[in-house]
Amino acid sequence: MTLTHTPSPHTPLRLFALTALAMMAFAANSILARLALAGGDTGADIGPWAFTAIRFISGAICLALIVGPSKTMRQGDWKAAGSLLLYGIFFSYAYLLLSAGTGALILFAAVQITMIGGGLLAGERLRALQWIGVALAMGGLVYLMAPKVAPPSPLGAGMMALAGLGWGLYSLMGRGKGNPTALTAGNFLRAGLICAALTLPLLGLFPETPLRLKGLILALLSGVVTSALGYVIWYTALKGLTATRAGVAQLTVPFIAALGGMLFIAEPFTLRFFIAMCITLAGVGLATIQISSRKGGVE
């Protein structure tokens, strides 16, 4: 069975711009989560469940105001909302158990397996150069993170793999669907309702770090700006992307996040980072050019 492909309404430049904006939003999410959950000398500013709940509830409110409450309730579905929560919840908790390098490798390996596997099952076929591009892109990430990788906590690794599965599934579900803003609003509304229902019982059973103003602000920024609006942009871009192309593009997120760390957290720019970025971008370019060279991007 082959994947039916609707002609993309995007020009190549618009598609590139939308994809780049979405990747920057995802990278900003990573930075916001690091600032909120990792903490500094004074410790974390928010707990993982509070960060997740505020993120999705605030995102749902923002999008419902944009789309309209009645339209929001008619859009989206519970499967997509479940995948979104699978990513959001396990990402926040795994962040406490894994180093940044180990977490990034597990997360994006799981995303690649999910999205490329989903594309192959749906009928996408890759040329040899495309596979080389995928391998190069992943290899660049491995090279970048190698010094930061530590033996993972089995629990943390499992949770981060589930987060990657959720992210990949949510992206696959958004391909070829209707109005991106309305769909994202409906999915966030469902995710936010689940978070609201579970918050008091979970925090009663498992108390966590007291919420500070800085943690609240970072969670709100993550929810309203980089999650809600970021996923609207991503669902818009997905109308013009094959599953494989969308998956490979996401390997740029750790590099954008690292650049953000250099700009906002004074992290150093290193030769390793430059080499790894070049390798990954070359791989993404190979995979993307080969995919887009075919009609509809699918054999």
Foldseek 3Di string as FASTA:
>chain_A
DAADADDFPDDPVRLVVLLVLLLLLVLLLVVLLCPQQQDDPVHHQDALLVLLLLQLQLLLVLLCVVVPVVLLQVAADAVLLVLQCLQSRLLSVLPVFFWPLQLLLLLLVLLLCQLVVVLVVNFFDDDPLLVVLLVLLSVLSCLLSVVVHDPGDPSSSVSSSSNSNSVNVSLVVLEPDPQLSSNLSNSSVSNNVVSVVCVVVVCVVPPDDDHDPSSSVSSSCSRHPSPNVSSSSSSSSNPLDHSNLSSLSSSCSVLSSVVVCCVPVVDDDDPSSVVSNVSNVSSSVSNVVRQVVDVSSGD
